[in-house]
Amino acid sequence: MNIVLFLAPASVLIALVGLGAFWWTVRSGQYDDPAGDAARILNDQIDDRPG
């Protein structure tokens, strides 16, 4: 029973850290241009083949 008293707050803390990391990525603009990424992969102008 004592392990539950340790694991419950630890799991809540880990969840809050994950939520904070997700919120930080949203606020820093990590997901701002999904349409541009999709269009860039179809562009023939960019040649990134080796040699």
PDB file of N, CA and C in Angstrom:
ATOM      1  N   MET A   1       0.818  -1.196   0.000  1.00  0.00           N
ATOM      2  CA  MET A   1       0.000   0.000   0.000  1.00  0.00           C
ATOM      3  C   MET A   1       0.866   1.267   0.000  1.00  0.00           C
ATOM      4  N   ASN A   2       2.046   1.179   0.595  1.00  0.00           N
ATOM      5  CA  ASN A   2       2.907   2.355   0.641  1.00  0.00           C
ATOM      6  C   ASN A   2       3.395   2.755  -0.735  1.00  0.00           C
ATOM      7  N   ILE A   3       3.524   1.795  -1.636  1.00  0.00           N
ATOM      8  CA  ILE A   3       4.014   2.122  -2.976  1.00  0.00           C
ATOM      9  C   ILE A   3       3.000   2.989  -3.737  1.00  0.00           C
ATOM     10  N   VAL A   4       1.709   2.808  -3.464  1.00  0.00           N
ATOM     11  CA  VAL A   4       0.688   3.627  -4.120  1.00  0.00           C
ATOM     12  C   VAL A   4       0.846   5.088  -3.713  1.00  0.00           C
ATOM     13  N   LEU A   5       1.224   5.314  -2.477  1.00  0.00           N
ATOM     14  CA  LEU A   5       1.413   6.683  -2.007  1.00  0.00           C
ATOM     15  C   LEU A   5       2.597   7.350  -2.688  1.00  0.00           C
ATOM     16  N   PHE A   6       3.508   6.579  -3.237  1.00  0.00           N
ATOM     17  CA  PHE A   6       4.633   7.125  -3.994  1.00  0.00           C
ATOM     18  C   PHE A   6       4.298   7.227  -5.482  1.00  0.00           C
ATOM     19  N   LEU A   7       3.669   6.184  -6.021  1.00  0.00           N
ATOM     20  CA  LEU A   7       3.451   6.138  -7.467  1.00  0.00           C
ATOM     21  C   LEU A   7       2.374   7.103  -7.954  1.00  0.00           C
ATOM     22  N   ALA A   8       1.348   7.338  -7.190  1.00  0.00           N
ATOM     23  CA  ALA A   8       0.279   8.242  -7.622  1.00  0.00           C
ATOM     24  C   ALA A   8       0.810   9.669  -7.833  1.00  0.00           C
ATOM     25  N   PRO A   9       1.482  10.268  -6.860  1.00  0.00           N
ATOM     26  CA  PRO A   9       2.021  11.622  -7.121  1.00  0.00           C
ATOM     27  C   PRO A   9       3.103  11.624  -8.200  1.00  0.00           C
ATOM     28  N   ALA A  10       3.890  10.554  -8.274  1.00  0.00           N
ATOM     29  CA  ALA A  10       4.930  10.501  -9.302  1.00  0.00           C
ATOM     30  C   ALA A  10       4.309  10.478 -10.692  1.00  0.00           C
ATOM     31  N   SER A  11       3.229   9.735 -10.871  1.00  0.00           N
ATOM     32  CA  SER A  11       2.589   9.679 -12.186  1.00  0.00           C
ATOM     33  C   SER A  11       1.929  11.011 -12.535  1.00  0.00           C
ATOM     34  N   VAL A  12       1.371  11.682 -11.556  1.00  0.00           N
ATOM     35  CA  VAL A  12       0.788  13.007 -11.804  1.00  0.00           C
ATOM     36  C   VAL A  12       1.891  13.995 -12.187  1.00  0.00           C
ATOM     37  N   LEU A  13       3.021  13.918 -11.521  1.00  0.00           N
ATOM     38  CA  LEU A  13       4.142  14.796 -11.846  1.00  0.00           C
ATOM     39  C   LEU A  13       4.656  14.553 -13.266  1.00  0.00           C
ATOM     40  N   ILE A  14       4.783  13.298 -13.661  1.00  0.00           N
ATOM     41  CA  ILE A  14       5.241  12.963 -15.015  1.00  0.00           C
ATOM     42  C   ILE A  14       4.233  13.455 -16.055  1.00  0.00           C
ATOM     43  N   ALA A  15       2.945  13.313 -15.752  1.00  0.00           N
ATOM     44  CA  ALA A  15       1.912  13.795 -16.677  1.00  0.00           C
ATOM     45  C   ALA A  15       1.974  15.310 -16.816  1.00  0.00           C
ATOM     46  N   LEU A  16       2.204  16.007 -15.723  1.00  0.00           N
ATOM     47  CA  LEU A  16       2.299  17.466 -15.792  1.00  0.00           C
ATOM     48  C   LEU A  16       3.540  17.917 -16.558  1.00  0.00           C
ATOM     49  N   VAL A  17       4.630  17.197 -16.421  1.00  0.00           N
ATOM     50  CA  VAL A  17       5.836  17.523 -17.197  1.00  0.00           C
ATOM     51  C   VAL A  17       5.565  17.330 -18.690  1.00  0.00           C
ATOM     52  N   GLY A  18       4.899  16.236 -19.052  1.00  0.00           N
ATOM     53  CA  GLY A  18       4.555  16.004 -20.456  1.00  0.00           C
ATOM     54  C   GLY A  18       3.610  17.055 -21.000  1.00  0.00           C
ATOM     55  N   LEU A  19       2.641  17.427 -20.204  1.00  0.00           N
ATOM     56  CA  LEU A  19       1.705  18.472 -20.630  1.00  0.00           C
ATOM     57  C   LEU A  19       2.421  19.809 -20.790  1.00  0.00           C
ATOM     58  N   GLY A  20       3.335  20.093 -19.884  1.00  0.00           N
ATOM     59  CA  GLY A  20       4.114  21.326 -19.993  1.00  0.00           C
ATOM     60  C   GLY A  20       4.995  21.338 -21.235  1.00  0.00           C
ATOM     61  N   ALA A  21       5.603  20.195 -21.564  1.00  0.00           N
ATOM     62  CA  ALA A  21       6.436  20.113 -22.767  1.00  0.00           C
ATOM     63  C   ALA A  21       5.584  20.297 -24.025  1.00  0.00           C
ATOM     64  N   PHE A  22       4.409  19.698 -24.039  1.00  0.00           N
ATOM     65  CA  PHE A  22       3.512  19.876 -25.183  1.00  0.00           C
ATOM     66  C   PHE A  22       3.086  21.336 -25.308  1.00  0.00           C
ATOM     67  N   TRP A  23       2.721  21.943 -24.198  1.00  0.00           N
ATOM     68  CA  TRP A  23       2.295  23.345 -24.222  1.00  0.00           C
ATOM     69  C   TRP A  23       3.437  24.240 -24.704  1.00  0.00           C
ATOM     70  N   TRP A  24       4.669  23.944 -24.296  1.00  0.00           N
ATOM     71  CA  TRP A  24       5.818  24.732 -24.732  1.00  0.00           C
ATOM     72  C   TRP A  24       6.005  24.621 -26.247  1.00  0.00           C
ATOM     73  N   THR A  25       5.836  23.418 -26.819  1.00  0.00           N
ATOM     74  CA  THR A  25       5.996  23.277 -28.269  1.00  0.00           C
ATOM     75  C   THR A  25       4.900  24.010 -29.029  1.00  0.00           C
ATOM     76  N   VAL A  26       3.691  24.011 -28.489  1.00  0.00           N
ATOM     77  CA  VAL A  26       2.600  24.744 -29.145  1.00  0.00           C
ATOM     78  C   VAL A  26       2.878  26.242 -29.098  1.00  0.00           C
ATOM     79  N   ARG A  27       3.310  26.736 -27.945  1.00  0.00           N
ATOM     80  CA  ARG A  27       3.564  28.169 -27.803  1.00  0.00           C
ATOM     81  C   ARG A  27       4.773  28.642 -28.607  1.00  0.00           C
ATOM     82  N   SER A  28       5.741  27.754 -28.847  1.00  0.00           N
ATOM     83  CA  SER A  28       6.937  28.173 -29.580  1.00  0.00           C
ATOM     84  C   SER A  28       6.784  28.031 -31.088  1.00  0.00           C
ATOM     85  N   GLY A  29       5.632  27.578 -31.568  1.00  0.00           N
ATOM     86  CA  GLY A  29       5.371  27.566 -32.998  1.00  0.00           C
ATOM     87  C   GLY A  29       5.851  26.325 -33.727  1.00  0.00           C
ATOM     88  N   GLN A  30       5.965  25.223 -33.050  1.00  0.00           N
ATOM     89  CA  GLN A  30       6.447  23.996 -33.677  1.00  0.00           C
ATOM     90  C   GLN A  30       5.466  23.457 -34.717  1.00  0.00           C
ATOM     91  N   TYR A  31       4.187  23.793 -34.594  1.00  0.00           N
ATOM     92  CA  TYR A  31       3.158  23.199 -35.448  1.00  0.00           C
ATOM     93  C   TYR A  31       2.500  24.230 -36.357  1.00  0.00           C
ATOM     94  N   ASP A  32       3.196  25.290 -36.694  1.00  0.00           N
ATOM     95  CA  ASP A  32       2.561  26.401 -37.401  1.00  0.00           C
ATOM     96  C   ASP A  32       2.372  26.201 -38.899  1.00  0.00           C
ATOM     97  N   ASP A  33       3.182  25.402 -39.563  1.00  0.00           N
ATOM     98  CA  ASP A  33       3.144  25.375 -41.024  1.00  0.00           C
ATOM     99  C   ASP A  33       3.008  23.964 -41.592  1.00  0.00           C
ATOM    100  N   PRO A  34       1.930  23.242 -41.269  1.00  0.00           N
ATOM    101  CA  PRO A  34       1.802  21.895 -41.832  1.00  0.00           C
ATOM    102  C   PRO A  34       1.527  21.905 -43.338  1.00  0.00           C
ATOM    103  N   ALA A  35       0.851  22.917 -43.846  1.00  0.00           N
ATOM    104  CA  ALA A  35       0.568  22.971 -45.287  1.00  0.00           C
ATOM    105  C   ALA A  35       1.847  23.243 -46.071  1.00  0.00           C
ATOM    106  N   GLY A  36       2.719  24.076 -45.542  1.00  0.00           N
ATOM    107  CA  GLY A  36       3.986  24.367 -46.211  1.00  0.00           C
ATOM    108  C   GLY A  36       4.884  23.147 -46.271  1.00  0.00           C
ATOM    109  N   ASP A  37       4.920  22.364 -45.208  1.00  0.00           N
ATOM    110  CA  ASP A  37       5.722  21.140 -45.213  1.00  0.00           C
ATOM    111  C   ASP A  37       5.201  20.158 -46.256  1.00  0.00           C
ATOM    112  N   ALA A  38       3.894  20.048 -46.357  1.00  0.00           N
ATOM    113  CA  ALA A  38       3.301  19.131 -47.332  1.00  0.00           C
ATOM    114  C   ALA A  38       3.587  19.595 -48.760  1.00  0.00           C
ATOM    115  N   ALA A  39       3.614  20.886 -48.992  1.00  0.00           N
ATOM    116  CA  ALA A  39       3.884  21.402 -50.332  1.00  0.00           C
ATOM    117  C   ALA A  39       5.363  21.281 -50.688  1.00  0.00           C
ATOM    118  N   ARG A  40       6.252  21.462 -49.726  1.00  0.00           N
ATOM    119  CA  ARG A  40       7.687  21.400 -50.005  1.00  0.00           C
ATOM    120  C   ARG A  40       8.132  20.020 -50.445  1.00  0.00           C
ATOM    121  N   ILE A  41       7.495  18.974 -49.976  1.00  0.00           N
ATOM    122  CA  ILE A  41       7.925  17.632 -50.348  1.00  0.00           C
ATOM    123  C   ILE A  41       7.610  17.346 -51.820  1.00  0.00           C
ATOM    124  N   LEU A  42       6.671  18.085 -52.396  1.00  0.00           N
ATOM    125  CA  LEU A  42       6.294  17.890 -53.793  1.00  0.00           C
ATOM    126  C   LEU A  42       7.067  18.790 -54.746  1.00  0.00           C
ATOM    127  N   ASN A  43       7.897  19.662 -54.248  1.00  0.00           N
ATOM    128  CA  ASN A  43       8.616  20.629 -55.066  1.00  0.00           C
ATOM    129  C   ASN A  43       9.778  19.940 -55.785  1.00  0.00           C
ATOM    130  N   ASP A  44       9.811  20.048 -57.115  1.00  0.00           N
ATOM    131  CA  ASP A  44      10.870  19.455 -57.901  1.00  0.00           C
ATOM    132  C   ASP A  44      12.112  20.346 -57.986  1.00  0.00           C
ATOM    133  N   GLN A  45      12.015  21.583 -57.568  1.00  0.00           N
ATOM    134  CA  GLN A  45      13.137  22.511 -57.642  1.00  0.00           C
ATOM    135  C   GLN A  45      14.280  22.134 -56.698  1.00  0.00           C
ATOM    136  N   ILE A  46      13.942  21.496 -55.608  1.00  0.00           N
ATOM    137  CA  ILE A  46      14.945  21.160 -54.593  1.00  0.00           C
ATOM    138  C   ILE A  46      15.570  19.805 -54.952  1.00  0.00           C
ATOM    139  N   ASP A  47      16.872  19.809 -55.102  1.00  0.00           N
ATOM    140  CA  ASP A  47      17.580  18.567 -55.426  1.00  0.00           C
ATOM    141  C   ASP A  47      18.478  18.193 -54.247  1.00  0.00           C
ATOM    142  N   ASP A  48      18.034  17.256 -53.453  1.00  0.00           N
ATOM    143  CA  ASP A  48      18.841  16.867 -52.310  1.00  0.00           C
ATOM    144  C   ASP A  48      19.388  15.450 -52.443  1.00  0.00           C
ATOM    145  N   ARG A  49      19.471  14.987 -53.692  1.00  0.00           N
ATOM    146  CA  ARG A  49      20.054  13.658 -53.917  1.00  0.00           C
ATOM    147  C   ARG A  49      21.550  13.722 -53.792  1.00  0.00           C
ATOM    148  N   PRO A  50      22.180  12.665 -53.310  1.00  0.00           N
ATOM    149  CA  PRO A  50      23.645  12.686 -53.199  1.00  0.00           C
ATOM    150  C   PRO A  50      24.308  12.707 -54.567  1.00  0.00           C
ATOM    151  N   GLY A  51      25.412  13.405 -54.634  1.00  0.00           N
ATOM    152  CA  GLY A  51      26.334  13.473 -55.682  1.00  0.00           C
ATOM    153  C   GLY A  51      26.055  13.480 -57.060  1.00  0.00           C
TER     154      GLY A  51
END
